[in-house]
C-alpha atoms as a PDB file:
ATOM      1  CA  UNK A   1      23.886 -62.986 -89.670  1.00  0.00           C
ATOM      2  CA  UNK A   2      22.931 -61.761 -86.260  1.00  0.00           C
ATOM      3  CA  UNK A   3      22.038 -58.458 -85.256  1.00  0.00           C
ATOM      4  CA  UNK A   4      25.023 -58.320 -82.699  1.00  0.00           C
ATOM      5  CA  UNK A   5      27.240 -59.265 -85.351  1.00  0.00           C
ATOM      6  CA  UNK A   6      26.007 -56.368 -87.689  1.00  0.00           C
ATOM      7  CA  UNK A   7      26.197 -53.857 -84.835  1.00  0.00           C
ATOM      8  CA  UNK A   8      29.586 -54.947 -84.191  1.00  0.00           C
ATOM      9  CA  UNK A   9      30.986 -54.629 -88.100  1.00  0.00           C
ATOM     10  CA  UNK A  10      29.468 -51.037 -88.413  1.00  0.00           C
ATOM     11  CA  UNK A  11      30.429 -49.947 -85.008  1.00  0.00           C
ATOM     12  CA  UNK A  12      27.081 -49.250 -83.761  1.00  0.00           C
ATOM     13  CA  UNK A  13      26.887 -49.297 -79.672  1.00  0.00           C
ATOM     14  CA  UNK A  14      25.049 -51.824 -77.941  1.00  0.00           C
ATOM     15  CA  UNK A  15      22.247 -49.830 -76.561  1.00  0.00           C
ATOM     16  CA  UNK A  16      20.666 -52.215 -74.239  1.00  0.00           C
ATOM     17  CA  UNK A  17      24.228 -52.632 -72.620  1.00  0.00           C
ATOM     18  CA  UNK A  18      24.411 -48.674 -72.537  1.00  0.00           C
ATOM     19  CA  UNK A  19      20.998 -48.188 -70.898  1.00  0.00           C
ATOM     20  CA  UNK A  20      21.736 -50.888 -68.540  1.00  0.00           C
ATOM     21  CA  UNK A  21      24.925 -49.034 -67.658  1.00  0.00           C
ATOM     22  CA  UNK A  22      23.121 -45.723 -66.992  1.00  0.00           C
ATOM     23  CA  UNK A  23      20.258 -47.426 -64.830  1.00  0.00           C
ATOM     24  CA  UNK A  24      23.165 -48.875 -62.768  1.00  0.00           C
ATOM     25  CA  UNK A  25      25.322 -45.617 -62.691  1.00  0.00           C
ATOM     26  CA  UNK A  26      22.793 -42.526 -62.855  1.00  0.00           C
ATOM     27  CA  UNK A  27      19.310 -43.696 -61.744  1.00  0.00           C
ATOM     28  CA  UNK A  28      20.260 -46.183 -59.050  1.00  0.00           C
ATOM     29  CA  UNK A  29      22.582 -43.405 -57.740  1.00  0.00           C
ATOM     30  CA  UNK A  30      19.589 -40.858 -57.431  1.00  0.00           C
ATOM     31  CA  UNK A  31      17.465 -43.537 -55.733  1.00  0.00           C
ATOM     32  CA  UNK A  32      19.768 -44.513 -53.306  1.00  0.00           C
ATOM     33  CA  UNK A  33      20.593 -40.555 -52.574  1.00  0.00           C
ATOM     34  CA  UNK A  34      16.898 -40.023 -51.937  1.00  0.00           C
ATOM     35  CA  UNK A  35      16.592 -42.777 -49.877  1.00  0.00           C
ATOM     36  CA  UNK A  36      19.487 -41.343 -47.869  1.00  0.00           C
ATOM     37  CA  UNK A  37      18.034 -38.129 -47.544  1.00  0.00           C
ATOM     38  CA  UNK A  38      14.541 -39.623 -46.185  1.00  0.00           C
ATOM     39  CA  UNK A  39      16.285 -41.738 -43.789  1.00  0.00           C
ATOM     40  CA  UNK A  40      18.034 -38.645 -42.583  1.00  0.00           C
ATOM     41  CA  UNK A  41      15.116 -36.656 -42.157  1.00  0.00           C
ATOM     42  CA  UNK A  42      13.239 -39.631 -40.769  1.00  0.00           C
ATOM     43  CA  UNK A  43      16.068 -39.848 -37.901  1.00  0.00           C
ATOM     44  CA  UNK A  44      15.820 -35.933 -37.281  1.00  0.00           C
ATOM     45  CA  UNK A  45      12.205 -36.076 -36.826  1.00  0.00           C
ATOM     46  CA  UNK A  46      12.517 -39.185 -34.281  1.00  0.00           C
ATOM     47  CA  UNK A  47      15.270 -37.661 -32.407  1.00  0.00           C
ATOM     48  CA  UNK A  48      12.887 -34.233 -32.028  1.00  0.00           C
ATOM     49  CA  UNK A  49       9.848 -36.303 -31.134  1.00  0.00           C
ATOM     50  CA  UNK A  50      11.945 -38.592 -28.477  1.00  0.00           C
ATOM     51  CA  UNK A  51      13.184 -35.062 -26.942  1.00  0.00           C
ATOM     52  CA  UNK A  52       9.626 -33.493 -26.515  1.00  0.00           C
ATOM     53  CA  UNK A  53       8.400 -36.697 -25.080  1.00  0.00           C
ATOM     54  CA  UNK A  54      11.123 -36.540 -22.541  1.00  0.00           C
ATOM     55  CA  UNK A  55      10.378 -32.925 -21.864  1.00  0.00           C
ATOM     56  CA  UNK A  56       6.594 -33.729 -21.263  1.00  0.00           C
ATOM     57  CA  UNK A  57       7.193 -36.645 -19.293  1.00  0.00           C
ATOM     58  CA  UNK A  58       9.602 -34.715 -17.055  1.00  0.00           C
ATOM     59  CA  UNK A  59       7.186 -31.793 -16.749  1.00  0.00           C
ATOM     60  CA  UNK A  60       4.246 -34.076 -15.925  1.00  0.00           C
ATOM     61  CA  UNK A  61       6.456 -35.830 -13.074  1.00  0.00           C
ATOM     62  CA  UNK A  62       7.287 -32.510 -11.610  1.00  0.00           C
ATOM     63  CA  UNK A  63       3.712 -31.455 -11.575  1.00  0.00           C
ATOM     64  CA  UNK A  64       2.934 -34.701  -9.820  1.00  0.00           C
ATOM     65  CA  UNK A  65       5.501 -34.099  -7.367  1.00  0.00           C
ATOM     66  CA  UNK A  66       4.294 -30.721  -6.186  1.00  0.00           C
ATOM     67  CA  UNK A  67       0.970 -31.903  -5.972  1.00  0.00           C
ATOM     68  CA  UNK A  68       1.750 -34.711  -3.506  1.00  0.00           C
ATOM     69  CA  UNK A  69       4.131 -32.068  -1.314  1.00  0.00           C
ATOM     70  CA  UNK A  70       1.288 -29.651  -1.123  1.00  0.00           C
ATOM     71  CA  UNK A  71      -1.166 -32.712  -0.041  1.00  0.00           C
ATOM     72  CA  UNK A  72       1.264 -33.718   2.271  1.00  0.00           C
ATOM     73  CA  UNK A  73       1.678 -30.189   3.822  1.00  0.00           C
ATOM     74  CA  UNK A  74      -1.754 -29.354   3.587  1.00  0.00           C
ATOM     75  CA  UNK A  75      -2.932 -29.190   7.666  1.00  0.00           C
ATOM     76  CA  UNK A  76      -5.515 -31.585   8.535  1.00  0.00           C
ATOM     77  CA  UNK A  77      -8.284 -30.012  10.101  1.00  0.00           C
ATOM     78  CA  UNK A  78      -8.726 -31.047  13.608  1.00  0.00           C
ATOM     79  CA  UNK A  79     -11.857 -33.120  14.849  1.00  0.00           C
ATOM     80  CA  UNK A  80     -14.326 -30.541  16.285  1.00  0.00           C
ATOM     81  CA  UNK A  81     -16.981 -33.008  17.056  1.00  0.00           C
ATOM     82  CA  UNK A  82     -19.166 -31.712  20.061  1.00  0.00           C
ATOM     83  CA  UNK A  83     -18.639 -35.237  22.168  1.00  0.00           C
ATOM     84  CA  UNK A  84     -14.716 -34.633  21.693  1.00  0.00           C
ATOM     85  CA  UNK A  85     -14.522 -30.738  22.467  1.00  0.00           C
ATOM     86  CA  UNK A  86     -13.409 -30.033  25.964  1.00  0.00           C
ATOM     87  CA  UNK A  87     -13.968 -26.452  27.426  1.00  0.00           C
ATOM     88  CA  UNK A  88     -11.223 -25.151  29.496  1.00  0.00           C
ATOM     89  CA  UNK A  89     -12.543 -23.906  32.953  1.00  0.00           C
ATOM     90  CA  UNK A  90     -12.143 -20.196  32.914  1.00  0.00           C
ATOM     91  CA  UNK A  91     -10.768 -18.721  36.011  1.00  0.00           C
ATOM     92  CA  UNK A  92     -12.459 -16.136  37.824  1.00  0.00           C
ATOM     93  CA  UNK A  93     -11.535 -12.388  37.161  1.00  0.00           C
ATOM     94  CA  UNK A  94      -9.870 -10.572  40.269  1.00  0.00           C
ATOM     95  CA  UNK A  95     -12.499  -8.587  42.385  1.00  0.00           C
ATOM     96  CA  UNK A  96     -11.295  -5.183  41.097  1.00  0.00           C
ATOM     97  CA  UNK A  97     -11.865  -6.321  37.565  1.00  0.00           C
ATOM     98  CA  UNK A  98     -15.191  -7.671  38.036  1.00  0.00           C
ATOM     99  CA  UNK A  99     -16.194  -4.615  40.162  1.00  0.00           C
ATOM    100  CA  UNK A 100     -15.124  -2.280  37.209  1.00  0.00           C
ATOM    101  CA  UNK A 101     -16.893  -4.351  34.873  1.00  0.00           C
ATOM    102  CA  UNK A 102     -20.387  -4.948  36.640  1.00  0.00           C
ATOM    103  CA  UNK A 103     -23.215  -3.192  36.126  1.00  0.00           C
ATOM    104  CA  UNK A 104     -24.080  -0.650  39.098  1.00  0.00           C
ATOM    105  CA  UNK A 105     -27.395  -0.636  40.989  1.00  0.00           C
ATOM    106  CA  UNK A 106     -28.924   2.856  41.693  1.00  0.00           C
ATOM    107  CA  UNK A 107     -31.252   3.392  44.669  1.00  0.00           C
ATOM    108  CA  UNK A 108     -34.249   2.442  43.077  1.00  0.00           C
ATOM    109  CA  UNK A 109     -32.938  -1.224  42.103  1.00  0.00           C
ATOM    110  CA  UNK A 110     -32.490  -0.296  38.348  1.00  0.00           C
ATOM    111  CA  UNK A 111     -29.296  -1.179  36.624  1.00  0.00           C
ATOM    112  CA  UNK A 112     -27.105   0.977  34.766  1.00  0.00           C
ATOM    113  CA  UNK A 113     -23.839   0.536  33.021  1.00  0.00           C
ATOM    114  CA  UNK A 114     -20.680   2.703  34.141  1.00  0.00           C
ATOM    115  CA  UNK A 115     -20.242   5.836  32.262  1.00  0.00           C
ATOM    116  CA  UNK A 116     -17.757   5.911  29.280  1.00  0.00           C
ATOM    117  CA  UNK A 117     -15.361   8.832  28.960  1.00  0.00           C
ATOM    118  CA  UNK A 118     -14.946   9.818  25.411  1.00  0.00           C
ATOM    119  CA  UNK A 119     -11.255   9.347  24.146  1.00  0.00           C
ATOM    120  CA  UNK A 120      -9.360  12.161  22.875  1.00  0.00           C
ATOM    121  CA  UNK A 121      -5.633  12.753  21.405  1.00  0.00           C
ATOM    122  CA  UNK A 122      -2.977  12.993  23.949  1.00  0.00           C
ATOM    123  CA  UNK A 123       0.983  13.187  23.099  1.00  0.00           C
ATOM    124  CA  UNK A 124       0.190  12.693  19.106  1.00  0.00           C
ATOM    125  CA  UNK A 125      -2.238   9.203  19.647  1.00  0.00           C
ATOM    126  CA  UNK A 126      -5.248   9.197  17.356  1.00  0.00           C
ATOM    127  CA  UNK A 127      -8.408   8.982  18.616  1.00  0.00           C
ATOM    128  CA  UNK A 128     -10.716   6.041  18.035  1.00  0.00           C
ATOM    129  CA  UNK A 129     -14.451   6.148  17.988  1.00  0.00           C
ATOM    130  CA  UNK A 130     -15.961   4.997  20.965  1.00  0.00           C
ATOM    131  CA  UNK A 131     -19.424   3.030  21.601  1.00  0.00           C
ATOM    132  CA  UNK A 132     -21.021   6.265  21.944  1.00  0.00           C
ATOM    133  CA  UNK A 133     -20.071   7.217  18.420  1.00  0.00           C
ATOM    134  CA  UNK A 134     -21.032   4.042  16.769  1.00  0.00           C
ATOM    135  CA  UNK A 135     -24.260   3.890  14.288  1.00  0.00           C
ATOM    136  CA  UNK A 136     -27.340   2.867  15.817  1.00  0.00           C
ATOM    137  CA  UNK A 137     -27.663  -0.969  15.733  1.00  0.00           C
ATOM    138  CA  UNK A 138     -24.155  -1.790  15.781  1.00  0.00           C
ATOM    139  CA  UNK A 139     -22.400  -3.996  18.471  1.00  0.00           C
ATOM    140  CA  UNK A 140     -20.330  -1.996  21.136  1.00  0.00           C
ATOM    141  CA  UNK A 141     -17.820  -3.036  23.151  1.00  0.00           C
ATOM    142  CA  UNK A 142     -14.340  -2.764  23.492  1.00  0.00           C
ATOM    143  CA  UNK A 143     -12.802  -3.864  20.321  1.00  0.00           C
ATOM    144  CA  UNK A 144      -9.587  -3.805  18.769  1.00  0.00           C
ATOM    145  CA  UNK A 145      -8.467  -0.799  16.781  1.00  0.00           C
ATOM    146  CA  UNK A 146      -8.789  -1.325  13.295  1.00  0.00           C
ATOM    147  CA  UNK A 147      -6.338  -0.681  10.485  1.00  0.00           C
ATOM    148  CA  UNK A 148      -9.111   1.674   9.138  1.00  0.00           C
ATOM    149  CA  UNK A 149      -9.746   3.422  12.416  1.00  0.00           C
ATOM    150  CA  UNK A 150      -5.878   4.767  12.616  1.00  0.00           C
ATOM    151  CA  UNK A 151      -5.032   5.403   8.892  1.00  0.00           C
ATOM    152  CA  UNK A 152      -4.146   9.005   8.203  1.00  0.00           C
ATOM    153  CA  UNK A 153      -5.419  10.473   4.983  1.00  0.00           C
ATOM    154  CA  UNK A 154      -4.189  13.522   3.216  1.00  0.00           C
ATOM    155  CA  UNK A 155      -6.892  13.980   1.124  1.00  0.00           C
ATOM    156  CA  UNK A 156     -10.492  13.034   1.543  1.00  0.00           C
ATOM    157  CA  UNK A 157     -13.990  13.912   0.039  1.00  0.00           C
ATOM    158  CA  UNK A 158     -15.109  16.271   2.732  1.00  0.00           C
ATOM    159  CA  UNK A 159     -12.072  18.221   4.294  1.00  0.00           C
ATOM    160  CA  UNK A 160     -12.151  19.030   8.204  1.00  0.00           C
ATOM    161  CA  UNK A 161     -13.276  22.285   9.124  1.00  0.00           C
ATOM    162  CA  UNK A 162     -13.170  24.698  11.886  1.00  0.00           C
ATOM    163  CA  UNK A 163     -16.737  25.273  13.590  1.00  0.00           C
ATOM    164  CA  UNK A 164     -18.591  28.060  11.862  1.00  0.00           C
ATOM    165  CA  UNK A 165     -16.393  28.340   9.019  1.00  0.00           C
ATOM    166  CA  UNK A 166     -13.672  30.383   7.264  1.00  0.00           C
ATOM    167  CA  UNK A 167     -14.645  33.960   8.844  1.00  0.00           C
ATOM    168  CA  UNK A 168     -14.664  32.309  12.474  1.00  0.00           C
ATOM    169  CA  UNK A 169     -11.721  30.562  12.208  1.00  0.00           C
ATOM    170  CA  UNK A 170      -9.841  34.258  11.038  1.00  0.00           C
ATOM    171  CA  UNK A 171     -11.825  35.654  13.845  1.00  0.00           C
ATOM    172  CA  UNK A 172     -10.067  33.555  16.146  1.00  0.00           C
ATOM    173  CA  UNK A 173      -6.492  33.943  15.100  1.00  0.00           C
ATOM    174  CA  UNK A 174      -7.124  37.476  15.010  1.00  0.00           C
ATOM    175  CA  UNK A 175      -8.133  37.570  18.538  1.00  0.00           C
ATOM    176  CA  UNK A 176      -5.528  35.209  19.729  1.00  0.00           C
ATOM    177  CA  UNK A 177      -2.638  35.994  17.554  1.00  0.00           C
ATOM    178  CA  UNK A 178       0.696  37.574  19.182  1.00  0.00           C
ATOM    179  CA  UNK A 179       2.908  39.764  17.074  1.00  0.00           C
ATOM    180  CA  UNK A 180       5.203  41.401  18.961  1.00  0.00           C
ATOM    181  CA  UNK A 181       9.240  41.336  20.053  1.00  0.00           C
ATOM    182  CA  UNK A 182      11.828  41.013  17.237  1.00  0.00           C
ATOM    183  CA  UNK A 183       9.062  40.196  14.990  1.00  0.00           C
ATOM    184  CA  UNK A 184       7.590  43.722  15.424  1.00  0.00           C
ATOM    185  CA  UNK A 185      10.587  45.379  15.464  1.00  0.00           C
ATOM    186  CA  UNK A 186      12.421  43.977  12.214  1.00  0.00           C
ATOM    187  CA  UNK A 187       8.755  44.283  10.468  1.00  0.00           C
ATOM    188  CA  UNK A 188       8.558  40.618   9.677  1.00  0.00           C
ATOM    189  CA  UNK A 189       5.179  39.714   7.694  1.00  0.00           C
ATOM    190  CA  UNK A 190       4.598  36.804   5.598  1.00  0.00           C
ATOM    191  CA  UNK A 191       2.687  33.244   6.304  1.00  0.00           C
ATOM    192  CA  UNK A 192       3.781  30.088   8.622  1.00  0.00           C
ATOM    193  CA  UNK A 193       2.493  27.069   6.916  1.00  0.00           C
ATOM    194  CA  UNK A 194       1.255  24.461   9.534  1.00  0.00           C
ATOM    195  CA  UNK A 195       0.411  21.107   9.435  1.00  0.00           C
ATOM    196  CA  UNK A 196      -1.649  18.935  12.065  1.00  0.00           C
ATOM    197  CA  UNK A 197      -3.787  15.941  12.298  1.00  0.00           C
ATOM    198  CA  UNK A 198      -7.722  16.216  12.872  1.00  0.00           C
ATOM    199  CA  UNK A 199      -8.551  12.752  13.936  1.00  0.00           C
ATOM    200  CA  UNK A 200     -11.865  11.085  13.392  1.00  0.00           C
ATOM    201  CA  UNK A 201     -13.513  12.764  16.450  1.00  0.00           C
ATOM    202  CA  UNK A 202     -12.385  16.183  15.368  1.00  0.00           C
ATOM    203  CA  UNK A 203      -9.283  16.746  17.691  1.00  0.00           C
ATOM    204  CA  UNK A 204      -6.437  18.138  16.775  1.00  0.00           C
ATOM    205  CA  UNK A 205      -2.718  16.907  17.699  1.00  0.00           C
ATOM    206  CA  UNK A 206       0.707  16.388  16.213  1.00  0.00           C
ATOM    207  CA  UNK A 207       1.022  20.270  15.224  1.00  0.00           C
ATOM    208  CA  UNK A 208       4.234  21.102  13.149  1.00  0.00           C
ATOM    209  CA  UNK A 209       5.412  23.804  11.171  1.00  0.00           C
ATOM    210  CA  UNK A 210       6.352  22.934   7.234  1.00  0.00           C
ATOM    211  CA  UNK A 211       7.883  26.256   6.052  1.00  0.00           C
ATOM    212  CA  UNK A 212       8.228  29.866   6.764  1.00  0.00           C
ATOM    213  CA  UNK A 213       7.538  32.419   4.175  1.00  0.00           C
ATOM    214  CA  UNK A 214       8.620  35.901   5.878  1.00  0.00           C
ATOM    215  CA  UNK A 215       9.837  39.043   4.565  1.00  0.00           C
ATOM    216  CA  UNK A 216      11.233  41.873   6.539  1.00  0.00           C
ATOM    217  CA  UNK A 217      11.826  45.624   6.687  1.00  0.00           C
ATOM    218  CA  UNK A 218      15.126  45.943   4.925  1.00  0.00           C
ATOM    219  CA  UNK A 219      15.932  49.381   6.043  1.00  0.00           C
ATOM    220  CA  UNK A 220      15.721  48.209   9.558  1.00  0.00           C
ATOM    221  CA  UNK A 221      17.418  45.103   8.930  1.00  0.00           C
ATOM    222  CA  UNK A 222      20.533  46.406   6.981  1.00  0.00           C
ATOM    223  CA  UNK A 223      21.671  48.406   9.819  1.00  0.00           C
ATOM    224  CA  UNK A 224      22.781  45.085  11.216  1.00  0.00           C
ATOM    225  CA  UNK A 225      25.977  43.012  10.048  1.00  0.00           C
ATOM    226  CA  UNK A 226      25.569  40.051   7.883  1.00  0.00           C
ATOM    227  CA  UNK A 227      25.831  37.608  10.827  1.00  0.00           C
ATOM    228  CA  UNK A 228      23.718  39.570  12.802  1.00  0.00           C
ATOM    229  CA  UNK A 229      21.056  39.486  10.217  1.00  0.00           C
ATOM    230  CA  UNK A 230      21.052  36.038   9.780  1.00  0.00           C
ATOM    231  CA  UNK A 231      20.689  35.413  13.368  1.00  0.00           C
ATOM    232  CA  UNK A 232      17.573  37.793  13.648  1.00  0.00           C
ATOM    233  CA  UNK A 233      15.861  36.093  10.638  1.00  0.00           C
ATOM    234  CA  UNK A 234      16.388  32.777  12.289  1.00  0.00           C
ATOM    235  CA  UNK A 235      15.037  34.004  15.855  1.00  0.00           C
ATOM    236  CA  UNK A 236      11.776  35.647  14.281  1.00  0.00           C
ATOM    237  CA  UNK A 237      11.476  32.058  12.182  1.00  0.00           C
ATOM    238  CA  UNK A 238      11.542  30.443  15.371  1.00  0.00           C
ATOM    239  CA  UNK A 239       9.317  32.897  17.220  1.00  0.00           C
ATOM    240  CA  UNK A 240       6.428  33.001  14.910  1.00  0.00           C
ATOM    241  CA  UNK A 241       6.732  29.059  14.228  1.00  0.00           C
ATOM    242  CA  UNK A 242       6.066  28.799  18.296  1.00  0.00           C
ATOM    243  CA  UNK A 243       3.338  31.298  17.865  1.00  0.00           C
ATOM    244  CA  UNK A 244       1.715  29.433  14.919  1.00  0.00           C
ATOM    245  CA  UNK A 245       1.770  26.244  16.743  1.00  0.00           C
ATOM    246  CA  UNK A 246       0.702  27.477  19.975  1.00  0.00           C
ATOM    247  CA  UNK A 247      -2.559  29.039  18.059  1.00  0.00           C
ATOM    248  CA  UNK A 248      -3.074  25.732  16.382  1.00  0.00           C
ATOM    249  CA  UNK A 249      -3.363  23.951  19.563  1.00  0.00           C
ATOM    250  CA  UNK A 250      -5.523  26.264  21.228  1.00  0.00           C
ATOM    251  CA  UNK A 251      -8.242  26.094  18.495  1.00  0.00           C
ATOM    252  CA  UNK A 252     -11.447  23.999  19.682  1.00  0.00           C
ATOM    253  CA  UNK A 253     -12.616  20.750  18.492  1.00  0.00           C
ATOM    254  CA  UNK A 254     -12.818  20.718  14.706  1.00  0.00           C
ATOM    255  CA  UNK A 255     -15.412  19.066  12.438  1.00  0.00           C
ATOM    256  CA  UNK A 256     -13.730  15.550  11.335  1.00  0.00           C
ATOM    257  CA  UNK A 257     -13.027  15.167   7.237  1.00  0.00           C
ATOM    258  CA  UNK A 258     -15.163  12.324   5.668  1.00  0.00           C
ATOM    259  CA  UNK A 259     -14.346   9.414   3.231  1.00  0.00           C
ATOM    260  CA  UNK A 260     -17.678   7.452   2.060  1.00  0.00           C
ATOM    261  CA  UNK A 261     -19.635   9.009   4.557  1.00  0.00           C
ATOM    262  CA  UNK A 262     -17.505   8.057   7.618  1.00  0.00           C
ATOM    263  CA  UNK A 263     -15.166  10.469   9.898  1.00  0.00           C
ATOM    264  CA  UNK A 264     -11.438   9.910   9.118  1.00  0.00           C
ATOM    265  CA  UNK A 265      -8.075  10.970  10.575  1.00  0.00           C
ATOM    266  CA  UNK A 266      -6.907  13.582   8.232  1.00  0.00           C
ATOM    267  CA  UNK A 267      -3.100  15.395   8.070  1.00  0.00           C
ATOM    268  CA  UNK A 268      -4.444  19.125   7.622  1.00  0.00           C
ATOM    269  CA  UNK A 269      -2.264  21.935   6.027  1.00  0.00           C
ATOM    270  CA  UNK A 270      -3.490  25.549   6.960  1.00  0.00           C
ATOM    271  CA  UNK A 271      -1.228  28.727   6.710  1.00  0.00           C
ATOM    272  CA  UNK A 272      -0.984  31.499   9.213  1.00  0.00           C
ATOM    273  CA  UNK A 273      -0.875  34.955   8.376  1.00  0.00           C
ATOM    274  CA  UNK A 274       1.327  37.557  10.047  1.00  0.00           C
ATOM    275  CA  UNK A 275       1.308  40.101  11.223  1.00  0.00           C
END
C-alpha cells in the first residue's frame, strides 16, 4: 500500500501540500511585501535625486546668466594709443587771468612769485591749509579742499590751546569781561558754557552758547512779581550769553588741535565764569 493511502486512512495531513501552501501564503507574501518596500524606497530616492539635480542645474544656469550680463555691461577701455589720441587745443587765458598768474619781475630782473595771503575763517567758514603751511618738500598749488581738511573733530589727541596756557586765558577774560547792568543789580553768578570752532590754523569761528548755569540774589529778586522774575532771568541770560560770545570772538589766534601729528578743525567747549 502506498504511503499516501496509509496517511489518508490514519488521518495524517499531507506535509508536502501543507508546506507548499505555507510557502505560497506566507513566504511569498513577505517577499512580495519586501519587494514593494524596496521599490517604494528606490522611487523616493530617485525623486529626491531628480529634484536636487534640477535645482543645481537651475542655479548653475542663473550664475552663467549673471556672468554674461556682467561681462556685457563691463565698459570697454578706450584705445589710448599715442597715434590715436588727439589733444584738444587749449584756449589762451584772458589777459587779467594771465597777468594774475604770471610771475612778476623786479627791477633787477629776478623773478618772484606773487605774495600769497593766509586764509582765515570769516562768517563761519573753515580755514584751509595754504601752500605756506604745507610741509617742506610737498607740492604746492591750488588744490580742491579734501574731506580731511574740512572735517570737524570733537576730540583729538592734542586739544586746542590758548597761547600762553590757562593762566594767560584767565588773565585775558578778567581784563576784558564786562559785568554790569541787570546782572550786577540782581547778583547773577555762575557759568556760561560756550562752544566754538578752532580751525586747523588756530582761528576761532562759529561761536555759540550751549547753556547758562546762573544763580541770583534771592532777596533782591523776590521783591519782584513772578512774571517780572522770569523776565529778569531771561534778560540776564541773554546779556551774559552775548558777553560770552563777545569775549570768545576777541581772543587771539589759538594753537590748533592735532590728530596723528596734523592740525585739525576742532569743536571746543569752554565755560566762562561770572562775575
